Amino acid sequence: MNSRVLMVFAVLLFIGAGVAGYWGVSLSRPADENPPLETAVQPAEVREPEPVRRIVSAATEGRVPVVVLAREVKALTPIMADDLAVEQLRIAPPDSFGDIETVLRRTAWRDLPAGTVLSNASFDMGGPLARMIRAHERALALEVDEVVGGGGHLKPGDYVDVLLYLREDDKNRDRTVQVVVPAMRVLSVGAELGATNNGEAALPPPAADDKPARQTRQDNARTVVLAIPEALLTRFMLATQVGTLRLAVRSADEKLLADYYAGKAFPDLDTIGQQLFQFEKFALRNAARPQPGLVPPPPAGIPVYRGNNVSRHSP
């Protein structure tokens, strides 16, 4: 083989080596993470899939707007637009508002926490106890301990019978025990209150950092507030002064709380009047009599009128 052929073969090998080297360098270079601008997908071109649009439409279909508080509002503070939000609910709560303009600049008489669904009851006057009883009832507090108050396990919404024990003494010859007032609804135990007449919480739920202190106050509760019918208020007050009281908790299976919200009256006042005959007799027998000399005695005889002259004659 002559030298010319060898030279051509060497040149071909050199060119092949160069091509192979360039190919190896191109494959080892990292790929560009950012695609060219002309090939990037523009946000405007991204479309929501048709099944997703149908799901979103079905979720909002049939919902109604309800005005709620976006943040806490203090008592006697006008409600501004920044305090309100509109939520889409499937069922609107009774007496709620659907338009912000209807509650704008109105003033609540008590503190309202964030998330409260506003209604006409949110702007009613009166404290928690006044909103937990009806027109014919009165809220009356009773001093209790663990024995009187059902071992400390009473809760708002329970129904109790008020028992009276009369000791034997110089004024009362017989020891008696009777039910003074049956089926009394417990409104509060210590600082814990139940629900108002429209089913809402009388007080907002405590904050997370206040729960331990509030639970301690409830465990050490020394007062219970009962809903007393107005016709039995004086009788109940007399019972608290003349003897020892106990509260007997009634069964929840009686559904008395559900009957109360259904509008049924408790208790039967006629039946109570028959049961408390001896108690009423005891109260009348020990009624205070006027001290002699303070009240002048009535004049004796029968008055006889003759014109402007009055004379008395004994029969």
C-alpha atoms as a PDB file:
ATOM      1  CA  MET A   1       0.000   0.000   0.000  1.00  0.00           C
ATOM      2  CA  ASN A   2       1.486   3.301  -1.090  1.00  0.00           C
ATOM      3  CA  SER A   3       1.818   6.388   1.040  1.00  0.00           C
ATOM      4  CA  ARG A   4      -1.039   8.293  -0.682  1.00  0.00           C
ATOM      5  CA  VAL A   5      -3.628   5.702   0.349  1.00  0.00           C
ATOM      6  CA  LEU A   6      -2.363   5.714   3.911  1.00  0.00           C
ATOM      7  CA  MET A   7      -2.666   9.486   4.075  1.00  0.00           C
ATOM      8  CA  VAL A   8      -6.315   9.447   2.887  1.00  0.00           C
ATOM      9  CA  PHE A   9      -7.180   6.744   5.402  1.00  0.00           C
ATOM     10  CA  ALA A  10      -5.612   8.775   8.233  1.00  0.00           C
ATOM     11  CA  VAL A  11      -7.604  11.863   7.270  1.00  0.00           C
ATOM     12  CA  LEU A  12     -10.875   9.887   7.371  1.00  0.00           C
ATOM     13  CA  LEU A  13     -10.032   8.520  10.810  1.00  0.00           C
ATOM     14  CA  PHE A  14      -9.290  12.035  12.040  1.00  0.00           C
ATOM     15  CA  ILE A  15     -12.632  13.348  10.775  1.00  0.00           C
ATOM     16  CA  GLY A  16     -14.506  10.401  12.357  1.00  0.00           C
ATOM     17  CA  ALA A  17     -12.784  10.995  15.683  1.00  0.00           C
ATOM     18  CA  GLY A  18     -13.825  14.641  15.614  1.00  0.00           C
ATOM     19  CA  VAL A  19     -17.477  13.793  14.877  1.00  0.00           C
ATOM     20  CA  ALA A  20     -17.540  11.197  17.674  1.00  0.00           C
ATOM     21  CA  GLY A  21     -16.043  13.670  20.159  1.00  0.00           C
ATOM     22  CA  TYR A  22     -18.587  16.374  19.340  1.00  0.00           C
ATOM     23  CA  TRP A  23     -21.441  13.862  19.700  1.00  0.00           C
ATOM     24  CA  GLY A  24     -20.168  12.763  23.130  1.00  0.00           C
ATOM     25  CA  VAL A  25     -19.907  16.347  24.379  1.00  0.00           C
ATOM     26  CA  SER A  26     -23.475  17.135  23.170  1.00  0.00           C
ATOM     27  CA  LEU A  27     -24.956  14.121  24.997  1.00  0.00           C
ATOM     28  CA  SER A  28     -23.172  14.908  28.276  1.00  0.00           C
ATOM     29  CA  ARG A  29     -24.413  18.556  28.395  1.00  0.00           C
ATOM     30  CA  PRO A  30     -27.486  19.051  30.874  1.00  0.00           C
ATOM     31  CA  ALA A  31     -30.802  19.762  29.251  1.00  0.00           C
ATOM     32  CA  ASP A  32     -32.165  23.280  29.447  1.00  0.00           C
ATOM     33  CA  GLU A  33     -34.870  23.377  32.172  1.00  0.00           C
ATOM     34  CA  ASN A  34     -36.594  26.424  30.773  1.00  0.00           C
ATOM     35  CA  PRO A  35     -38.268  25.874  27.445  1.00  0.00           C
ATOM     36  CA  PRO A  36     -38.044  28.599  24.865  1.00  0.00           C
ATOM     37  CA  LEU A  37     -40.522  31.416  25.301  1.00  0.00           C
ATOM     38  CA  GLU A  38     -42.104  30.727  21.974  1.00  0.00           C
ATOM     39  CA  THR A  39     -42.924  27.156  23.000  1.00  0.00           C
ATOM     40  CA  ALA A  40     -44.035  27.827  26.646  1.00  0.00           C
ATOM     41  CA  VAL A  41     -47.709  27.298  27.402  1.00  0.00           C
ATOM     42  CA  GLN A  42     -49.364  30.601  28.227  1.00  0.00           C
ATOM     43  CA  PRO A  43     -51.700  30.714  31.283  1.00  0.00           C
ATOM     44  CA  ALA A  44     -54.516  32.014  29.163  1.00  0.00           C
ATOM     45  CA  GLU A  45     -54.412  28.844  27.127  1.00  0.00           C
ATOM     46  CA  VAL A  46     -54.978  26.565  30.204  1.00  0.00           C
ATOM     47  CA  ARG A  47     -58.634  25.588  30.356  1.00  0.00           C
ATOM     48  CA  GLU A  48     -60.446  23.860  33.179  1.00  0.00           C
ATOM     49  CA  PRO A  49     -61.581  20.381  32.202  1.00  0.00           C
ATOM     50  CA  GLU A  50     -65.274  20.058  31.541  1.00  0.00           C
ATOM     51  CA  PRO A  51     -65.932  17.538  34.395  1.00  0.00           C
ATOM     52  CA  VAL A  52     -64.366  19.958  36.949  1.00  0.00           C
ATOM     53  CA  ARG A  53     -66.591  22.811  35.779  1.00  0.00           C
ATOM     54  CA  ARG A  54     -69.667  20.629  36.176  1.00  0.00           C
ATOM     55  CA  ILE A  55     -68.652  19.657  39.752  1.00  0.00           C
ATOM     56  CA  VAL A  56     -68.123  23.300  40.806  1.00  0.00           C
ATOM     57  CA  SER A  57     -71.428  24.326  39.285  1.00  0.00           C
ATOM     58  CA  ALA A  58     -73.252  21.500  41.070  1.00  0.00           C
ATOM     59  CA  ALA A  59     -71.633  22.459  44.424  1.00  0.00           C
ATOM     60  CA  THR A  60     -72.898  26.057  44.276  1.00  0.00           C
ATOM     61  CA  GLU A  61     -76.271  25.256  42.769  1.00  0.00           C
ATOM     62  CA  GLY A  62     -79.224  25.636  45.147  1.00  0.00           C
ATOM     63  CA  ARG A  63     -77.294  27.553  47.844  1.00  0.00           C
ATOM     64  CA  VAL A  64     -78.486  30.793  49.445  1.00  0.00           C
ATOM     65  CA  PRO A  65     -76.423  33.731  50.747  1.00  0.00           C
ATOM     66  CA  VAL A  66     -76.276  34.170  54.538  1.00  0.00           C
ATOM     67  CA  VAL A  67     -74.648  37.107  56.333  1.00  0.00           C
ATOM     68  CA  VAL A  68     -72.139  36.119  59.033  1.00  0.00           C
ATOM     69  CA  LEU A  69     -69.598  37.971  61.139  1.00  0.00           C
ATOM     70  CA  ALA A  70     -66.074  37.858  59.735  1.00  0.00           C
ATOM     71  CA  ARG A  71     -64.617  39.001  63.074  1.00  0.00           C
ATOM     72  CA  GLU A  72     -65.714  39.580  66.662  1.00  0.00           C
ATOM     73  CA  VAL A  73     -67.964  42.563  67.336  1.00  0.00           C
ATOM     74  CA  LYS A  74     -68.143  44.112  70.799  1.00  0.00           C
ATOM     75  CA  ALA A  75     -71.393  45.154  72.436  1.00  0.00           C
ATOM     76  CA  LEU A  76     -72.832  48.571  71.514  1.00  0.00           C
ATOM     77  CA  THR A  77     -70.505  48.832  68.502  1.00  0.00           C
ATOM     78  CA  PRO A  78     -71.994  49.623  65.071  1.00  0.00           C
ATOM     79  CA  ILE A  79     -71.441  46.802  62.578  1.00  0.00           C
ATOM     80  CA  MET A  80     -69.425  47.931  59.554  1.00  0.00           C
ATOM     81  CA  ALA A  81     -68.898  46.322  56.149  1.00  0.00           C
ATOM     82  CA  ASP A  82     -65.450  44.996  57.129  1.00  0.00           C
ATOM     83  CA  ASP A  83     -67.068  43.030  59.980  1.00  0.00           C
ATOM     84  CA  LEU A  84     -69.358  41.081  57.642  1.00  0.00           C
ATOM     85  CA  ALA A  85     -69.049  38.247  55.162  1.00  0.00           C
ATOM     86  CA  VAL A  86     -71.504  36.327  53.011  1.00  0.00           C
ATOM     87  CA  GLU A  87     -71.499  32.523  53.089  1.00  0.00           C
ATOM     88  CA  GLN A  88     -73.311  30.282  50.635  1.00  0.00           C
ATOM     89  CA  LEU A  89     -75.325  27.707  52.586  1.00  0.00           C
ATOM     90  CA  ARG A  90     -77.670  25.002  51.370  1.00  0.00           C
ATOM     91  CA  ILE A  91     -80.255  25.914  54.036  1.00  0.00           C
ATOM     92  CA  ALA A  92     -80.543  29.401  55.516  1.00  0.00           C
ATOM     93  CA  PRO A  93     -80.956  29.475  59.333  1.00  0.00           C
ATOM     94  CA  PRO A  94     -84.302  30.833  60.536  1.00  0.00           C
ATOM     95  CA  ASP A  95     -84.610  34.613  60.632  1.00  0.00           C
ATOM     96  CA  SER A  96     -81.170  35.103  59.045  1.00  0.00           C
ATOM     97  CA  PHE A  97     -80.157  37.875  56.644  1.00  0.00           C
ATOM     98  CA  GLY A  98     -79.139  37.466  53.011  1.00  0.00           C
ATOM     99  CA  ASP A  99     -77.989  41.012  52.272  1.00  0.00           C
ATOM    100  CA  ILE A 100     -75.233  42.964  54.015  1.00  0.00           C
ATOM    101  CA  GLU A 101     -77.141  46.230  53.656  1.00  0.00           C
ATOM    102  CA  THR A 102     -79.875  44.970  56.016  1.00  0.00           C
ATOM    103  CA  VAL A 103     -77.464  44.768  58.992  1.00  0.00           C
ATOM    104  CA  LEU A 104     -74.985  47.499  58.127  1.00  0.00           C
ATOM    105  CA  ARG A 105     -74.490  50.002  61.010  1.00  0.00           C
ATOM    106  CA  ARG A 106     -76.872  48.134  63.311  1.00  0.00           C
ATOM    107  CA  THR A 107     -75.801  47.809  66.966  1.00  0.00           C
ATOM    108  CA  ALA A 108     -75.798  44.609  69.010  1.00  0.00           C
ATOM    109  CA  TRP A 109     -76.460  44.721  72.757  1.00  0.00           C
ATOM    110  CA  ARG A 110     -73.948  41.972  73.544  1.00  0.00           C
ATOM    111  CA  ASP A 111     -70.609  40.659  72.281  1.00  0.00           C
ATOM    112  CA  LEU A 112     -70.903  38.567  69.121  1.00  0.00           C
ATOM    113  CA  PRO A 113     -68.032  36.188  68.214  1.00  0.00           C
ATOM    114  CA  ALA A 114     -66.676  35.704  64.712  1.00  0.00           C
ATOM    115  CA  GLY A 115     -68.659  33.221  62.637  1.00  0.00           C
ATOM    116  CA  THR A 116     -72.022  34.178  64.180  1.00  0.00           C
ATOM    117  CA  VAL A 117     -74.929  33.885  61.750  1.00  0.00           C
ATOM    118  CA  LEU A 118     -76.724  37.184  62.210  1.00  0.00           C
ATOM    119  CA  SER A 119     -80.466  37.227  62.809  1.00  0.00           C
ATOM    120  CA  ASN A 120     -82.984  39.508  64.480  1.00  0.00           C
ATOM    121  CA  ALA A 121     -82.245  37.745  67.781  1.00  0.00           C
ATOM    122  CA  SER A 122     -78.658  39.025  67.551  1.00  0.00           C
ATOM    123  CA  PHE A 123     -79.947  42.555  68.093  1.00  0.00           C
ATOM    124  CA  ASP A 124     -82.554  41.838  70.797  1.00  0.00           C
ATOM    125  CA  MET A 125     -82.125  43.481  74.185  1.00  0.00           C
ATOM    126  CA  GLY A 126     -81.674  41.520  77.393  1.00  0.00           C
ATOM    127  CA  GLY A 127     -78.993  39.416  78.997  1.00  0.00           C
ATOM    128  CA  PRO A 128     -78.455  35.663  78.639  1.00  0.00           C
ATOM    129  CA  LEU A 129     -80.945  34.655  81.363  1.00  0.00           C
ATOM    130  CA  ALA A 130     -83.642  36.968  80.016  1.00  0.00           C
ATOM    131  CA  ARG A 131     -83.340  35.240  76.629  1.00  0.00           C
ATOM    132  CA  MET A 132     -83.615  31.761  78.184  1.00  0.00           C
ATOM    133  CA  ILE A 133     -87.062  32.088  79.777  1.00  0.00           C
ATOM    134  CA  ARG A 134     -90.567  32.834  78.564  1.00  0.00           C
ATOM    135  CA  ALA A 135     -92.918  35.620  79.593  1.00  0.00           C
ATOM    136  CA  HIS A 136     -94.630  33.538  82.317  1.00  0.00           C
ATOM    137  CA  GLU A 137     -91.348  32.383  83.897  1.00  0.00           C
ATOM    138  CA  ARG A 138     -88.816  33.916  86.252  1.00  0.00           C
ATOM    139  CA  ALA A 139     -85.138  33.050  86.710  1.00  0.00           C
ATOM    140  CA  LEU A 140     -84.292  32.505  90.378  1.00  0.00           C
ATOM    141  CA  ALA A 141     -80.892  31.566  91.818  1.00  0.00           C
ATOM    142  CA  LEU A 142     -80.514  28.893  94.475  1.00  0.00           C
ATOM    143  CA  GLU A 143     -77.468  28.311  96.655  1.00  0.00           C
ATOM    144  CA  VAL A 144     -76.305  24.695  96.357  1.00  0.00           C
ATOM    145  CA  ASP A 145     -73.464  22.396  97.284  1.00  0.00           C
ATOM    146  CA  GLU A 146     -72.501  18.959  95.966  1.00  0.00           C
ATOM    147  CA  VAL A 147     -75.249  17.284  98.011  1.00  0.00           C
ATOM    148  CA  VAL A 148     -78.076  19.677  97.153  1.00  0.00           C
ATOM    149  CA  GLY A 149     -77.026  19.968  93.493  1.00  0.00           C
ATOM    150  CA  GLY A 150     -77.062  16.317  92.483  1.00  0.00           C
ATOM    151  CA  GLY A 151     -73.507  15.505  93.465  1.00  0.00           C
ATOM    152  CA  GLY A 152     -72.122  18.347  91.362  1.00  0.00           C
ATOM    153  CA  HIS A 153     -73.265  16.762  88.089  1.00  0.00           C
ATOM    154  CA  LEU A 154     -76.068  19.159  87.193  1.00  0.00           C
ATOM    155  CA  LYS A 155     -75.975  20.644  83.703  1.00  0.00           C
ATOM    156  CA  PRO A 156     -78.013  23.417  82.053  1.00  0.00           C
ATOM    157  CA  GLY A 157     -81.041  21.857  80.399  1.00  0.00           C
ATOM    158  CA  ASP A 158     -81.609  19.265  83.127  1.00  0.00           C
ATOM    159  CA  TYR A 159     -85.001  19.075  84.831  1.00  0.00           C
ATOM    160  CA  VAL A 160     -85.157  18.751  88.612  1.00  0.00           C
ATOM    161  CA  ASP A 161     -87.781  18.316  91.326  1.00  0.00           C
ATOM    162  CA  VAL A 162     -87.346  20.682  94.273  1.00  0.00           C
ATOM    163  CA  LEU A 163     -87.786  18.755  97.544  1.00  0.00           C
ATOM    164  CA  LEU A 164     -88.449  20.452 100.890  1.00  0.00           C
ATOM    165  CA  TYR A 165     -87.694  18.897 104.280  1.00  0.00           C
ATOM    166  CA  LEU A 166     -89.321  20.490 107.363  1.00  0.00           C
ATOM    167  CA  ARG A 167     -87.819  19.621 110.726  1.00  0.00           C
ATOM    168  CA  GLU A 168     -89.873  19.050 113.864  1.00  0.00           C
ATOM    169  CA  ASP A 169     -89.734  22.039 116.200  1.00  0.00           C
ATOM    170  CA  ASP A 170     -91.960  24.190 118.375  1.00  0.00           C
ATOM    171  CA  LYS A 171     -93.642  25.683 115.322  1.00  0.00           C
ATOM    172  CA  ASN A 172     -93.913  22.510 113.275  1.00  0.00           C
ATOM    173  CA  ARG A 173     -95.102  19.399 115.140  1.00  0.00           C
ATOM    174  CA  ASP A 174     -94.517  16.994 112.257  1.00  0.00           C
ATOM    175  CA  ARG A 175     -91.469  16.264 110.141  1.00  0.00           C
ATOM    176  CA  THR A 176     -92.526  16.389 106.496  1.00  0.00           C
ATOM    177  CA  VAL A 177     -90.914  15.945 103.104  1.00  0.00           C
ATOM    178  CA  GLN A 178     -92.655  16.963  99.929  1.00  0.00           C
ATOM    179  CA  VAL A 179     -92.072  18.112  96.370  1.00  0.00           C
ATOM    180  CA  VAL A 180     -92.343  21.880  96.410  1.00  0.00           C
ATOM    181  CA  VAL A 181     -92.146  22.398  92.641  1.00  0.00           C
ATOM    182  CA  PRO A 182     -91.648  19.543  90.155  1.00  0.00           C
ATOM    183  CA  ALA A 183     -89.975  19.631  86.741  1.00  0.00           C
ATOM    184  CA  MET A 184     -87.972  22.843  87.057  1.00  0.00           C
ATOM    185  CA  ARG A 185     -85.611  23.586  84.190  1.00  0.00           C
ATOM    186  CA  VAL A 186     -81.974  24.320  85.065  1.00  0.00           C
ATOM    187  CA  LEU A 187     -80.846  27.487  83.302  1.00  0.00           C
ATOM    188  CA  SER A 188     -77.294  27.725  84.569  1.00  0.00           C
ATOM    189  CA  VAL A 189     -74.837  25.998  86.859  1.00  0.00           C
ATOM    190  CA  GLY A 190     -72.207  28.413  88.077  1.00  0.00           C
ATOM    191  CA  ALA A 191     -70.866  30.256  85.024  1.00  0.00           C
ATOM    192  CA  GLU A 192     -72.172  27.650  82.564  1.00  0.00           C
ATOM    193  CA  LEU A 193     -75.357  28.667  80.741  1.00  0.00           C
ATOM    194  CA  GLY A 194     -77.603  26.662  78.444  1.00  0.00           C
ATOM    195  CA  ALA A 195     -79.378  27.638  75.235  1.00  0.00           C
ATOM    196  CA  THR A 196     -81.740  30.520  74.600  1.00  0.00           C
ATOM    197  CA  ASN A 197     -85.360  30.021  73.554  1.00  0.00           C
ATOM    198  CA  ASN A 198     -84.383  30.059  69.879  1.00  0.00           C
ATOM    199  CA  GLY A 199     -81.801  27.298  70.357  1.00  0.00           C
ATOM    200  CA  GLU A 200     -78.664  29.456  70.239  1.00  0.00           C
ATOM    201  CA  ALA A 201     -75.917  29.366  72.853  1.00  0.00           C
ATOM    202  CA  ALA A 202     -76.572  32.009  75.509  1.00  0.00           C
ATOM    203  CA  LEU A 203     -72.841  32.739  75.713  1.00  0.00           C
ATOM    204  CA  PRO A 204     -70.167  32.316  73.014  1.00  0.00           C
ATOM    205  CA  PRO A 205     -67.861  29.311  73.485  1.00  0.00           C
ATOM    206  CA  PRO A 206     -64.768  30.092  75.581  1.00  0.00           C
ATOM    207  CA  ALA A 207     -61.396  30.624  73.984  1.00  0.00           C
ATOM    208  CA  ALA A 208     -58.876  27.799  74.108  1.00  0.00           C
ATOM    209  CA  ASP A 209     -56.768  29.522  76.763  1.00  0.00           C
ATOM    210  CA  ASP A 210     -59.851  30.244  78.933  1.00  0.00           C
ATOM    211  CA  LYS A 211     -61.264  26.701  78.991  1.00  0.00           C
ATOM    212  CA  PRO A 212     -59.258  25.412  82.006  1.00  0.00           C
ATOM    213  CA  ALA A 213     -60.196  28.407  84.186  1.00  0.00           C
ATOM    214  CA  ARG A 214     -63.840  28.218  83.137  1.00  0.00           C
ATOM    215  CA  GLN A 215     -63.955  24.479  83.851  1.00  0.00           C
ATOM    216  CA  THR A 216     -62.578  25.128  87.344  1.00  0.00           C
ATOM    217  CA  ARG A 217     -65.315  27.697  88.011  1.00  0.00           C
ATOM    218  CA  GLN A 218     -67.951  25.209  86.882  1.00  0.00           C
ATOM    219  CA  ASP A 219     -66.564  22.458  89.108  1.00  0.00           C
ATOM    220  CA  ASN A 220     -66.701  24.837  92.087  1.00  0.00           C
ATOM    221  CA  ALA A 221     -70.172  26.175  91.265  1.00  0.00           C
ATOM    222  CA  ARG A 222     -72.176  27.229  94.290  1.00  0.00           C
ATOM    223  CA  THR A 223     -75.319  28.557  92.574  1.00  0.00           C
ATOM    224  CA  VAL A 224     -77.941  27.089  90.284  1.00  0.00           C
ATOM    225  CA  VAL A 225     -80.500  29.210  88.426  1.00  0.00           C
ATOM    226  CA  LEU A 226     -83.920  27.633  87.827  1.00  0.00           C
ATOM    227  CA  ALA A 227     -86.817  28.715  85.605  1.00  0.00           C
ATOM    228  CA  ILE A 228     -89.743  29.152  88.018  1.00  0.00           C
ATOM    229  CA  PRO A 229     -93.341  29.731  86.849  1.00  0.00           C
ATOM    230  CA  GLU A 230     -94.475  33.158  87.986  1.00  0.00           C
ATOM    231  CA  ALA A 231     -97.445  31.685  89.876  1.00  0.00           C
ATOM    232  CA  LEU A 232     -95.080  29.587  92.049  1.00  0.00           C
ATOM    233  CA  LEU A 233     -92.389  32.185  92.628  1.00  0.00           C
ATOM    234  CA  THR A 234     -93.437  33.269  96.142  1.00  0.00           C
ATOM    235  CA  ARG A 235     -94.095  29.672  97.190  1.00  0.00           C
ATOM    236  CA  PHE A 236     -90.619  28.666  96.057  1.00  0.00           C
ATOM    237  CA  MET A 237     -89.047  31.608  97.879  1.00  0.00           C
ATOM    238  CA  LEU A 238     -90.858  30.649 101.093  1.00  0.00           C
ATOM    239  CA  ALA A 239     -89.629  27.074 100.773  1.00  0.00           C
ATOM    240  CA  THR A 240     -86.007  28.250 100.572  1.00  0.00           C
ATOM    241  CA  GLN A 241     -86.391  29.972 103.969  1.00  0.00           C
ATOM    242  CA  VAL A 242     -88.352  27.503 106.109  1.00  0.00           C
ATOM    243  CA  GLY A 243     -86.572  24.198 105.478  1.00  0.00           C
ATOM    244  CA  THR A 244     -83.868  22.244 103.691  1.00  0.00           C
ATOM    245  CA  LEU A 245     -83.992  21.905  99.910  1.00  0.00           C
ATOM    246  CA  ARG A 246     -82.714  19.147  97.654  1.00  0.00           C
ATOM    247  CA  LEU A 247     -82.731  18.932  93.864  1.00  0.00           C
ATOM    248  CA  ALA A 248     -83.753  15.565  92.429  1.00  0.00           C
ATOM    249  CA  VAL A 249     -82.682  15.176  88.786  1.00  0.00           C
ATOM    250  CA  ARG A 250     -85.310  13.789  86.415  1.00  0.00           C
ATOM    251  CA  SER A 251     -84.591  11.332  83.601  1.00  0.00           C
ATOM    252  CA  ALA A 252     -83.691  12.636  80.163  1.00  0.00           C
ATOM    253  CA  ASP A 253     -85.984   9.958  78.667  1.00  0.00           C
ATOM    254  CA  GLU A 254     -88.967  12.090  79.699  1.00  0.00           C
ATOM    255  CA  LYS A 255     -88.069  14.491  76.854  1.00  0.00           C
ATOM    256  CA  LEU A 256     -89.122  17.484  78.952  1.00  0.00           C
ATOM    257  CA  LEU A 257     -86.660  19.797  77.241  1.00  0.00           C
ATOM    258  CA  ALA A 258     -88.020  18.865  73.810  1.00  0.00           C
ATOM    259  CA  ASP A 259     -91.559  19.419  75.096  1.00  0.00           C
ATOM    260  CA  TYR A 260     -90.554  22.820  76.440  1.00  0.00           C
ATOM    261  CA  TYR A 261     -89.295  23.984  73.050  1.00  0.00           C
ATOM    262  CA  ALA A 262     -92.446  22.525  71.499  1.00  0.00           C
ATOM    263  CA  GLY A 263     -94.470  25.014  73.570  1.00  0.00           C
ATOM    264  CA  LYS A 264     -95.929  22.708  76.219  1.00  0.00           C
ATOM    265  CA  ALA A 265     -96.399  24.189  79.694  1.00  0.00           C
ATOM    266  CA  PHE A 266     -94.675  22.745  82.752  1.00  0.00           C
ATOM    267  CA  PRO A 267     -95.596  22.036  85.450  1.00  0.00           C
ATOM    268  CA  ASP A 268     -99.300  21.384  86.106  1.00  0.00           C
ATOM    269  CA  LEU A 269    -100.102  24.179  88.561  1.00  0.00           C
ATOM    270  CA  ASP A 270    -103.459  22.710  89.640  1.00  0.00           C
ATOM    271  CA  THR A 271    -101.845  19.424  90.659  1.00  0.00           C
ATOM    272  CA  ILE A 272     -99.119  21.249  92.562  1.00  0.00           C
ATOM    273  CA  GLY A 273    -101.726  23.240  94.470  1.00  0.00           C
ATOM    274  CA  GLN A 274    -103.332  20.009  95.698  1.00  0.00           C
ATOM    275  CA  GLN A 275    -100.017  18.490  96.714  1.00  0.00           C
ATOM    276  CA  LEU A 276     -98.936  21.541  98.706  1.00  0.00           C
ATOM    277  CA  PHE A 277    -102.011  21.912 100.912  1.00  0.00           C
ATOM    278  CA  GLN A 278    -100.074  21.114 104.092  1.00  0.00           C
ATOM    279  CA  PHE A 279     -97.261  23.421 103.089  1.00  0.00           C
ATOM    280  CA  GLU A 280     -99.689  26.285 102.512  1.00  0.00           C
ATOM    281  CA  LYS A 281    -101.335  25.554 105.873  1.00  0.00           C
ATOM    282  CA  PHE A 282     -97.936  25.649 107.536  1.00  0.00           C
ATOM    283  CA  ALA A 283     -97.165  28.988 105.914  1.00  0.00           C
ATOM    284  CA  LEU A 284    -100.480  30.519 107.009  1.00  0.00           C
ATOM    285  CA  ARG A 285    -100.200  29.212 110.545  1.00  0.00           C
ATOM    286  CA  ASN A 286     -96.805  30.823 111.021  1.00  0.00           C
ATOM    287  CA  ALA A 287     -97.636  34.103 109.331  1.00  0.00           C
ATOM    288  CA  ALA A 288     -96.436  37.118 111.279  1.00  0.00           C
ATOM    289  CA  ARG A 289     -99.098  38.818 113.380  1.00  0.00           C
ATOM    290  CA  PRO A 290     -99.050  42.562 114.099  1.00  0.00           C
ATOM    291  CA  GLN A 291     -97.528  43.541 117.428  1.00  0.00           C
ATOM    292  CA  PRO A 292    -100.151  44.678 120.024  1.00  0.00           C
ATOM    293  CA  GLY A 293    -100.362  48.424 120.340  1.00  0.00           C
ATOM    294  CA  LEU A 294     -99.055  49.230 116.863  1.00  0.00           C
ATOM    295  CA  VAL A 295    -102.411  48.767 115.138  1.00  0.00           C
ATOM    296  CA  PRO A 296    -105.428  50.460 116.814  1.00  0.00           C
ATOM    297  CA  PRO A 297    -108.282  48.022 117.506  1.00  0.00           C
ATOM    298  CA  PRO A 298    -111.451  48.493 115.483  1.00  0.00           C
ATOM    299  CA  PRO A 299    -114.243  50.347 117.325  1.00  0.00           C
ATOM    300  CA  ALA A 300    -116.849  48.078 118.916  1.00  0.00           C
ATOM    301  CA  GLY A 301    -120.581  48.215 118.167  1.00  0.00           C
ATOM    302  CA  ILE A 302    -122.733  48.756 115.127  1.00  0.00           C
ATOM    303  CA  PRO A 303    -122.611  52.236 113.583  1.00  0.00           C
ATOM    304  CA  VAL A 304    -126.006  53.973 113.216  1.00  0.00           C
ATOM    305  CA  TYR A 305    -126.145  57.008 110.932  1.00  0.00           C
ATOM    306  CA  ARG A 306    -128.732  59.815 111.566  1.00  0.00           C
ATOM    307  CA  GLY A 307    -127.924  62.544 109.098  1.00  0.00           C
ATOM    308  CA  ASN A 308    -124.453  63.813 109.949  1.00  0.00           C
ATOM    309  CA  ASN A 309    -124.443  62.136 113.366  1.00  0.00           C
ATOM    310  CA  VAL A 310    -122.960  58.640 113.879  1.00  0.00           C
ATOM    311  CA  SER A 311    -123.593  56.561 116.992  1.00  0.00           C
ATOM    312  CA  ARG A 312    -122.676  52.961 117.876  1.00  0.00           C
ATOM    313  CA  HIS A 313    -124.950  50.496 119.588  1.00  0.00           C
ATOM    314  CA  SER A 314    -124.053  47.100 120.956  1.00  0.00           C
ATOM    315  CA  PRO A 315    -126.264  44.245 119.688  1.00  0.00           C
END
